[in-house]
Amino acid sequence: MKVTHYNDEHLLRLSSEEAALFVDVCHAAIFSDFMPQDPETQNRLMLLLGQVQIGLLPTAQQHWEQQHQSATSTPASLT
């Protein structure tokens, strides 16, 4: 991960694996008992998750599919 700072904005550059992990972490935060349950925080989390879904979910899904394929492929020497 690389971070670039521009005044009050912070740009993240993530690998596909990091993007997939970030999506997982955001989903876990929504269901975590450790996150504040007040409506304002929950609303902010839902908005963030929505933005993550729109921006990163396709990349994360592609990464997960590649991981699944490599985990389930049979080496040629075993066939």
PDB file of N, CA and C in Angstrom:
ATOM      1  N   MET A   1       0.846  -1.161   0.000  1.00  0.00           N
ATOM      2  CA  MET A   1       0.000   0.000   0.000  1.00  0.00           C
ATOM      3  C   MET A   1       0.899   1.233   0.000  1.00  0.00           C
ATOM      4  N   LYS A   2       0.502   2.195  -0.774  1.00  0.00           N
ATOM      5  CA  LYS A   2       1.191   3.480  -0.798  1.00  0.00           C
ATOM      6  C   LYS A   2       0.153   4.568  -0.534  1.00  0.00           C
ATOM      7  N   VAL A   3       0.556   5.584   0.212  1.00  0.00           N
ATOM      8  CA  VAL A   3      -0.339   6.687   0.539  1.00  0.00           C
ATOM      9  C   VAL A   3       0.290   7.982   0.046  1.00  0.00           C
ATOM     10  N   THR A   4      -0.510   8.777  -0.643  1.00  0.00           N
ATOM     11  CA  THR A   4      -0.092  10.097  -1.081  1.00  0.00           C
ATOM     12  C   THR A   4      -1.005  11.110  -0.413  1.00  0.00           C
ATOM     13  N   HIS A   5      -0.416  12.130   0.178  1.00  0.00           N
ATOM     14  CA  HIS A   5      -1.179  13.140   0.908  1.00  0.00           C
ATOM     15  C   HIS A   5      -1.221  14.439   0.102  1.00  0.00           C
ATOM     16  N   TYR A   6      -2.413  14.966  -0.080  1.00  0.00           N
ATOM     17  CA  TYR A   6      -2.641  16.261  -0.717  1.00  0.00           C
ATOM     18  C   TYR A   6      -3.528  17.084   0.206  1.00  0.00           C
ATOM     19  N   ASN A   7      -2.901  17.978   0.957  1.00  0.00           N
ATOM     20  CA  ASN A   7      -3.640  18.803   1.917  1.00  0.00           C
ATOM     21  C   ASN A   7      -4.452  17.913   2.853  1.00  0.00           C
ATOM     22  N   ASP A   8      -5.769  17.982   2.777  1.00  0.00           N
ATOM     23  CA  ASP A   8      -6.621  17.199   3.671  1.00  0.00           C
ATOM     24  C   ASP A   8      -7.135  15.915   3.016  1.00  0.00           C
ATOM     25  N   GLU A   9      -6.607  15.554   1.853  1.00  0.00           N
ATOM     26  CA  GLU A   9      -7.006  14.323   1.168  1.00  0.00           C
ATOM     27  C   GLU A   9      -5.840  13.344   1.178  1.00  0.00           C
ATOM     28  N   HIS A  10      -6.167  12.066   1.241  1.00  0.00           N
ATOM     29  CA  HIS A  10      -5.160  11.017   1.327  1.00  0.00           C
ATOM     30  C   HIS A  10      -5.525   9.938   0.319  1.00  0.00           C
ATOM     31  N   LEU A  11      -4.668   9.746  -0.656  1.00  0.00           N
ATOM     32  CA  LEU A  11      -4.924   8.783  -1.715  1.00  0.00           C
ATOM     33  C   LEU A  11      -4.217   7.477  -1.408  1.00  0.00           C
ATOM     34  N   LEU A  12      -4.961   6.375  -1.465  1.00  0.00           N
ATOM     35  CA  LEU A  12      -4.400   5.055  -1.225  1.00  0.00           C
ATOM     36  C   LEU A  12      -4.195   4.341  -2.546  1.00  0.00           C
ATOM     37  N   ARG A  13      -3.035   3.722  -2.694  1.00  0.00           N
ATOM     38  CA  ARG A  13      -2.791   2.844  -3.836  1.00  0.00           C
ATOM     39  C   ARG A  13      -2.647   1.443  -3.268  1.00  0.00           C
ATOM     40  N   LEU A  14      -3.570   0.579  -3.647  1.00  0.00           N
ATOM     41  CA  LEU A  14      -3.613  -0.773  -3.103  1.00  0.00           C
ATOM     42  C   LEU A  14      -3.359  -1.799  -4.191  1.00  0.00           C
ATOM     43  N   SER A  15      -2.671  -2.871  -3.846  1.00  0.00           N
ATOM     44  CA  SER A  15      -2.582  -4.015  -4.746  1.00  0.00           C
ATOM     45  C   SER A  15      -3.960  -4.691  -4.772  1.00  0.00           C
ATOM     46  N   SER A  16      -4.162  -5.599  -5.685  1.00  0.00           N
ATOM     47  CA  SER A  16      -5.445  -6.323  -5.737  1.00  0.00           C
ATOM     48  C   SER A  16      -5.683  -7.092  -4.444  1.00  0.00           C
ATOM     49  N   GLU A  17      -4.630  -7.680  -3.902  1.00  0.00           N
ATOM     50  CA  GLU A  17      -4.763  -8.420  -2.651  1.00  0.00           C
ATOM     51  C   GLU A  17      -5.137  -7.475  -1.503  1.00  0.00           C
ATOM     52  N   GLU A  18      -4.525  -6.297  -1.448  1.00  0.00           N
ATOM     53  CA  GLU A  18      -4.845  -5.323  -0.415  1.00  0.00           C
ATOM     54  C   GLU A  18      -6.269  -4.792  -0.580  1.00  0.00           C
ATOM     55  N   ALA A  19      -6.704  -4.596  -1.812  1.00  0.00           N
ATOM     56  CA  ALA A  19      -8.075  -4.136  -2.057  1.00  0.00           C
ATOM     57  C   ALA A  19      -9.071  -5.179  -1.558  1.00  0.00           C
ATOM     58  N   ALA A  20      -8.804  -6.449  -1.828  1.00  0.00           N
ATOM     59  CA  ALA A  20      -9.692  -7.522  -1.374  1.00  0.00           C
ATOM     60  C   ALA A  20      -9.728  -7.569   0.152  1.00  0.00           C
ATOM     61  N   LEU A  21      -8.578  -7.415   0.792  1.00  0.00           N
ATOM     62  CA  LEU A  21      -8.524  -7.408   2.247  1.00  0.00           C
ATOM     63  C   LEU A  21      -9.274  -6.211   2.819  1.00  0.00           C
ATOM     64  N   PHE A  22      -9.149  -5.054   2.182  1.00  0.00           N
ATOM     65  CA  PHE A  22      -9.854  -3.853   2.643  1.00  0.00           C
ATOM     66  C   PHE A  22     -11.364  -4.051   2.558  1.00  0.00           C
ATOM     67  N   VAL A  23     -11.837  -4.667   1.490  1.00  0.00           N
ATOM     68  CA  VAL A  23     -13.272  -4.965   1.359  1.00  0.00           C
ATOM     69  C   VAL A  23     -13.706  -5.892   2.494  1.00  0.00           C
ATOM     70  N   ASP A  24     -12.907  -6.930   2.770  1.00  0.00           N
ATOM     71  CA  ASP A  24     -13.229  -7.850   3.869  1.00  0.00           C
ATOM     72  C   ASP A  24     -13.296  -7.124   5.207  1.00  0.00           C
ATOM     73  N   VAL A  25     -12.321  -6.254   5.462  1.00  0.00           N
ATOM     74  CA  VAL A  25     -12.271  -5.522   6.733  1.00  0.00           C
ATOM     75  C   VAL A  25     -13.481  -4.593   6.863  1.00  0.00           C
ATOM     76  N   CYS A  26     -13.861  -3.948   5.783  1.00  0.00           N
ATOM     77  CA  CYS A  26     -15.035  -3.065   5.830  1.00  0.00           C
ATOM     78  C   CYS A  26     -16.300  -3.853   6.122  1.00  0.00           C
ATOM     79  N   HIS A  27     -16.446  -5.020   5.502  1.00  0.00           N
ATOM     80  CA  HIS A  27     -17.614  -5.849   5.790  1.00  0.00           C
ATOM     81  C   HIS A  27     -17.608  -6.300   7.249  1.00  0.00           C
ATOM     82  N   ALA A  28     -16.461  -6.685   7.757  1.00  0.00           N
ATOM     83  CA  ALA A  28     -16.370  -7.123   9.152  1.00  0.00           C
ATOM     84  C   ALA A  28     -16.720  -5.986  10.107  1.00  0.00           C
ATOM     85  N   ALA A  29     -16.318  -4.777   9.777  1.00  0.00           N
ATOM     86  CA  ALA A  29     -16.606  -3.633  10.645  1.00  0.00           C
ATOM     87  C   ALA A  29     -18.102  -3.399  10.779  1.00  0.00           C
ATOM     88  N   ILE A  30     -18.833  -3.609   9.718  1.00  0.00           N
ATOM     89  CA  ILE A  30     -20.280  -3.392   9.754  1.00  0.00           C
ATOM     90  C   ILE A  30     -20.932  -4.311  10.792  1.00  0.00           C
ATOM     91  N   PHE A  31     -20.431  -5.534  10.917  1.00  0.00           N
ATOM     92  CA  PHE A  31     -21.051  -6.517  11.805  1.00  0.00           C
ATOM     93  C   PHE A  31     -20.328  -6.662  13.139  1.00  0.00           C
ATOM     94  N   SER A  32     -19.317  -5.849  13.369  1.00  0.00           N
ATOM     95  CA  SER A  32     -18.522  -5.962  14.585  1.00  0.00           C
ATOM     96  C   SER A  32     -19.251  -5.388  15.795  1.00  0.00           C
ATOM     97  N   ASP A  33     -19.173  -6.105  16.896  1.00  0.00           N
ATOM     98  CA  ASP A  33     -19.720  -5.605  18.160  1.00  0.00           C
ATOM     99  C   ASP A  33     -18.809  -4.550  18.776  1.00  0.00           C
ATOM    100  N   PHE A  34     -17.590  -4.421  18.262  1.00  0.00           N
ATOM    101  CA  PHE A  34     -16.635  -3.464  18.813  1.00  0.00           C
ATOM    102  C   PHE A  34     -16.801  -2.068  18.235  1.00  0.00           C
ATOM    103  N   MET A  35     -17.544  -1.934  17.146  1.00  0.00           N
ATOM    104  CA  MET A  35     -17.779  -0.622  16.551  1.00  0.00           C
ATOM    105  C   MET A  35     -18.918   0.061  17.305  1.00  0.00           C
ATOM    106  N   PRO A  36     -18.816   1.357  17.489  1.00  0.00           N
ATOM    107  CA  PRO A  36     -19.921   2.080  18.148  1.00  0.00           C
ATOM    108  C   PRO A  36     -21.228   1.851  17.391  1.00  0.00           C
ATOM    109  N   GLN A  37     -22.287   1.676  18.138  1.00  0.00           N
ATOM    110  CA  GLN A  37     -23.585   1.360  17.535  1.00  0.00           C
ATOM    111  C   GLN A  37     -24.482   2.582  17.361  1.00  0.00           C
ATOM    112  N   ASP A  38     -23.942   3.775  17.640  1.00  0.00           N
ATOM    113  CA  ASP A  38     -24.788   4.953  17.499  1.00  0.00           C
ATOM    114  C   ASP A  38     -25.128   5.175  16.023  1.00  0.00           C
ATOM    115  N   PRO A  39     -26.279   5.738  15.746  1.00  0.00           N
ATOM    116  CA  PRO A  39     -26.736   5.897  14.366  1.00  0.00           C
ATOM    117  C   PRO A  39     -25.760   6.676  13.472  1.00  0.00           C
ATOM    118  N   GLU A  40     -25.105   7.701  14.011  1.00  0.00           N
ATOM    119  CA  GLU A  40     -24.191   8.488  13.189  1.00  0.00           C
ATOM    120  C   GLU A  40     -23.002   7.645  12.712  1.00  0.00           C
ATOM    121  N   THR A  41     -22.410   6.880  13.609  1.00  0.00           N
ATOM    122  CA  THR A  41     -21.280   6.026  13.227  1.00  0.00           C
ATOM    123  C   THR A  41     -21.730   4.941  12.266  1.00  0.00           C
ATOM    124  N   GLN A  42     -22.864   4.338  12.532  1.00  0.00           N
ATOM    125  CA  GLN A  42     -23.370   3.296  11.638  1.00  0.00           C
ATOM    126  C   GLN A  42     -23.644   3.856  10.245  1.00  0.00           C
ATOM    127  N   ASN A  43     -24.178   5.061  10.181  1.00  0.00           N
ATOM    128  CA  ASN A  43     -24.437   5.700   8.894  1.00  0.00           C
ATOM    129  C   ASN A  43     -23.124   5.949   8.145  1.00  0.00           C
ATOM    130  N   ARG A  44     -22.108   6.436   8.857  1.00  0.00           N
ATOM    131  CA  ARG A  44     -20.805   6.681   8.236  1.00  0.00           C
ATOM    132  C   ARG A  44     -20.193   5.380   7.721  1.00  0.00           C
ATOM    133  N   LEU A  45     -20.332   4.294   8.500  1.00  0.00           N
ATOM    134  CA  LEU A  45     -19.818   2.995   8.064  1.00  0.00           C
ATOM    135  C   LEU A  45     -20.541   2.497   6.814  1.00  0.00           C
ATOM    136  N   MET A  46     -21.851   2.663   6.801  1.00  0.00           N
ATOM    137  CA  MET A  46     -22.626   2.219   5.628  1.00  0.00           C
ATOM    138  C   MET A  46     -22.254   3.017   4.383  1.00  0.00           C
ATOM    139  N   LEU A  47     -22.035   4.329   4.547  1.00  0.00           N
ATOM    140  CA  LEU A  47     -21.615   5.151   3.413  1.00  0.00           C
ATOM    141  C   LEU A  47     -20.232   4.727   2.917  1.00  0.00           C
ATOM    142  N   LEU A  48     -19.311   4.477   3.843  1.00  0.00           N
ATOM    143  CA  LEU A  48     -17.974   4.023   3.461  1.00  0.00           C
ATOM    144  C   LEU A  48     -18.047   2.680   2.759  1.00  0.00           C
ATOM    145  N   LEU A  49     -18.823   1.759   3.312  1.00  0.00           N
ATOM    146  CA  LEU A  49     -18.956   0.442   2.687  1.00  0.00           C
ATOM    147  C   LEU A  49     -19.540   0.564   1.284  1.00  0.00           C
ATOM    148  N   GLY A  50     -20.513   1.432   1.114  1.00  0.00           N
ATOM    149  CA  GLY A  50     -21.087   1.649  -0.223  1.00  0.00           C
ATOM    150  C   GLY A  50     -20.044   2.148  -1.203  1.00  0.00           C
ATOM    151  N   GLN A  51     -19.203   3.076  -0.765  1.00  0.00           N
ATOM    152  CA  GLN A  51     -18.147   3.589  -1.634  1.00  0.00           C
ATOM    153  C   GLN A  51     -17.105   2.519  -1.928  1.00  0.00           C
ATOM    154  N   VAL A  52     -16.777   1.720  -0.923  1.00  0.00           N
ATOM    155  CA  VAL A  52     -15.819   0.629  -1.124  1.00  0.00           C
ATOM    156  C   VAL A  52     -16.394  -0.384  -2.107  1.00  0.00           C
ATOM    157  N   GLN A  53     -17.670  -0.719  -1.935  1.00  0.00           N
ATOM    158  CA  GLN A  53     -18.315  -1.683  -2.836  1.00  0.00           C
ATOM    159  C   GLN A  53     -18.257  -1.202  -4.282  1.00  0.00           C
ATOM    160  N   ILE A  54     -18.606   0.061  -4.492  1.00  0.00           N
ATOM    161  CA  ILE A  54     -18.623   0.607  -5.854  1.00  0.00           C
ATOM    162  C   ILE A  54     -17.217   0.636  -6.440  1.00  0.00           C
ATOM    163  N   GLY A  55     -16.244   1.064  -5.634  1.00  0.00           N
ATOM    164  CA  GLY A  55     -14.908   1.267  -6.162  1.00  0.00           C
ATOM    165  C   GLY A  55     -14.005   0.057  -6.175  1.00  0.00           C
ATOM    166  N   LEU A  56     -14.167  -0.839  -5.198  1.00  0.00           N
ATOM    167  CA  LEU A  56     -13.196  -1.920  -5.050  1.00  0.00           C
ATOM    168  C   LEU A  56     -13.745  -3.328  -5.186  1.00  0.00           C
ATOM    169  N   LEU A  57     -15.044  -3.510  -5.092  1.00  0.00           N
ATOM    170  CA  LEU A  57     -15.591  -4.867  -5.112  1.00  0.00           C
ATOM    171  C   LEU A  57     -15.239  -5.635  -6.387  1.00  0.00           C
ATOM    172  N   PRO A  58     -15.323  -5.029  -7.582  1.00  0.00           N
ATOM    173  CA  PRO A  58     -14.946  -5.797  -8.778  1.00  0.00           C
ATOM    174  C   PRO A  58     -13.496  -6.294  -8.723  1.00  0.00           C
ATOM    175  N   THR A  59     -12.588  -5.463  -8.248  1.00  0.00           N
ATOM    176  CA  THR A  59     -11.189  -5.874  -8.121  1.00  0.00           C
ATOM    177  C   THR A  59     -11.052  -6.983  -7.090  1.00  0.00           C
ATOM    178  N   ALA A  60     -11.738  -6.841  -5.968  1.00  0.00           N
ATOM    179  CA  ALA A  60     -11.681  -7.853  -4.918  1.00  0.00           C
ATOM    180  C   ALA A  60     -12.231  -9.183  -5.417  1.00  0.00           C
ATOM    181  N   GLN A  61     -13.362  -9.150  -6.118  1.00  0.00           N
ATOM    182  CA  GLN A  61     -13.945 -10.389  -6.632  1.00  0.00           C
ATOM    183  C   GLN A  61     -13.006 -11.075  -7.608  1.00  0.00           C
ATOM    184  N   GLN A  62     -12.351 -10.308  -8.473  1.00  0.00           N
ATOM    185  CA  GLN A  62     -11.402 -10.885  -9.419  1.00  0.00           C
ATOM    186  C   GLN A  62     -10.238 -11.542  -8.662  1.00  0.00           C
ATOM    187  N   HIS A  63      -9.748 -10.890  -7.639  1.00  0.00           N
ATOM    188  CA  HIS A  63      -8.660 -11.451  -6.834  1.00  0.00           C
ATOM    189  C   HIS A  63      -9.104 -12.749  -6.163  1.00  0.00           C
ATOM    190  N   TRP A  64     -10.305 -12.730  -5.556  1.00  0.00           N
ATOM    191  CA  TRP A  64     -10.801 -13.929  -4.880  1.00  0.00           C
ATOM    192  C   TRP A  64     -10.982 -15.083  -5.865  1.00  0.00           C
ATOM    193  N   GLU A  65     -11.469 -14.793  -7.071  1.00  0.00           N
ATOM    194  CA  GLU A  65     -11.642 -15.835  -8.088  1.00  0.00           C
ATOM    195  C   GLU A  65     -10.298 -16.425  -8.483  1.00  0.00           C
ATOM    196  N   GLN A  66      -9.285 -15.588  -8.668  1.00  0.00           N
ATOM    197  CA  GLN A  66      -7.952 -16.075  -9.014  1.00  0.00           C
ATOM    198  C   GLN A  66      -7.379 -16.937  -7.888  1.00  0.00           C
ATOM    199  N   GLN A  67      -7.585 -16.507  -6.646  1.00  0.00           N
ATOM    200  CA  GLN A  67      -7.111 -17.287  -5.502  1.00  0.00           C
ATOM    201  C   GLN A  67      -7.804 -18.644  -5.461  1.00  0.00           C
ATOM    202  N   HIS A  68      -9.108 -18.639  -5.699  1.00  0.00           N
ATOM    203  CA  HIS A  68      -9.878 -19.889  -5.674  1.00  0.00           C
ATOM    204  C   HIS A  68      -9.416 -20.822  -6.790  1.00  0.00           C
ATOM    205  N   GLN A  69      -9.212 -20.271  -7.988  1.00  0.00           N
ATOM    206  CA  GLN A  69      -8.776 -21.089  -9.115  1.00  0.00           C
ATOM    207  C   GLN A  69      -7.401 -21.696  -8.870  1.00  0.00           C
ATOM    208  N   SER A  70      -6.493 -20.906  -8.324  1.00  0.00           N
ATOM    209  CA  SER A  70      -5.150 -21.438  -8.079  1.00  0.00           C
ATOM    210  C   SER A  70      -5.170 -22.473  -6.958  1.00  0.00           C
ATOM    211  N   ALA A  71      -6.085 -22.328  -5.997  1.00  0.00           N
ATOM    212  CA  ALA A  71      -6.181 -23.283  -4.898  1.00  0.00           C
ATOM    213  C   ALA A  71      -6.821 -24.596  -5.332  1.00  0.00           C
ATOM    214  N   THR A  72      -7.682 -24.543  -6.359  1.00  0.00           N
ATOM    215  CA  THR A  72      -8.398 -25.752  -6.770  1.00  0.00           C
ATOM    216  C   THR A  72      -7.829 -26.390  -8.026  1.00  0.00           C
ATOM    217  N   SER A  73      -6.846 -25.755  -8.651  1.00  0.00           N
ATOM    218  CA  SER A  73      -6.280 -26.340  -9.872  1.00  0.00           C
ATOM    219  C   SER A  73      -5.376 -27.501  -9.503  1.00  0.00           C
ATOM    220  N   THR A  74      -5.432 -28.511 -10.344  1.00  0.00           N
ATOM    221  CA  THR A  74      -4.622 -29.719 -10.140  1.00  0.00           C
ATOM    222  C   THR A  74      -3.346 -29.598 -10.940  1.00  0.00           C
ATOM    223  N   PRO A  75      -2.183 -29.787 -10.322  1.00  0.00           N
ATOM    224  CA  PRO A  75      -0.938 -29.753 -11.093  1.00  0.00           C
ATOM    225  C   PRO A  75      -0.935 -30.822 -12.170  1.00  0.00           C
ATOM    226  N   ALA A  76      -0.346 -30.507 -13.318  1.00  0.00           N
ATOM    227  CA  ALA A  76      -0.320 -31.425 -14.458  1.00  0.00           C
ATOM    228  C   ALA A  76       0.354 -32.739 -14.105  1.00  0.00           C
ATOM    229  N   SER A  77       1.290 -32.734 -13.187  1.00  0.00           N
ATOM    230  CA  SER A  77       2.014 -33.958 -12.822  1.00  0.00           C
ATOM    231  C   SER A  77       1.139 -34.949 -12.080  1.00  0.00           C
ATOM    232  N   LEU A  78       0.006 -34.494 -11.539  1.00  0.00           N
ATOM    233  CA  LEU A  78      -0.886 -35.382 -10.793  1.00  0.00           C
ATOM    234  C   LEU A  78      -2.014 -35.931 -11.641  1.00  0.00           C
ATOM    235  N   THR A  79      -2.123 -35.493 -12.898  1.00  0.00           N
ATOM    236  CA  THR A  79      -3.245 -35.980 -13.728  1.00  0.00           C
ATOM    237  C   THR A  79      -2.820 -37.103 -14.597  1.00  0.00           C
TER     238      THR A  79
END
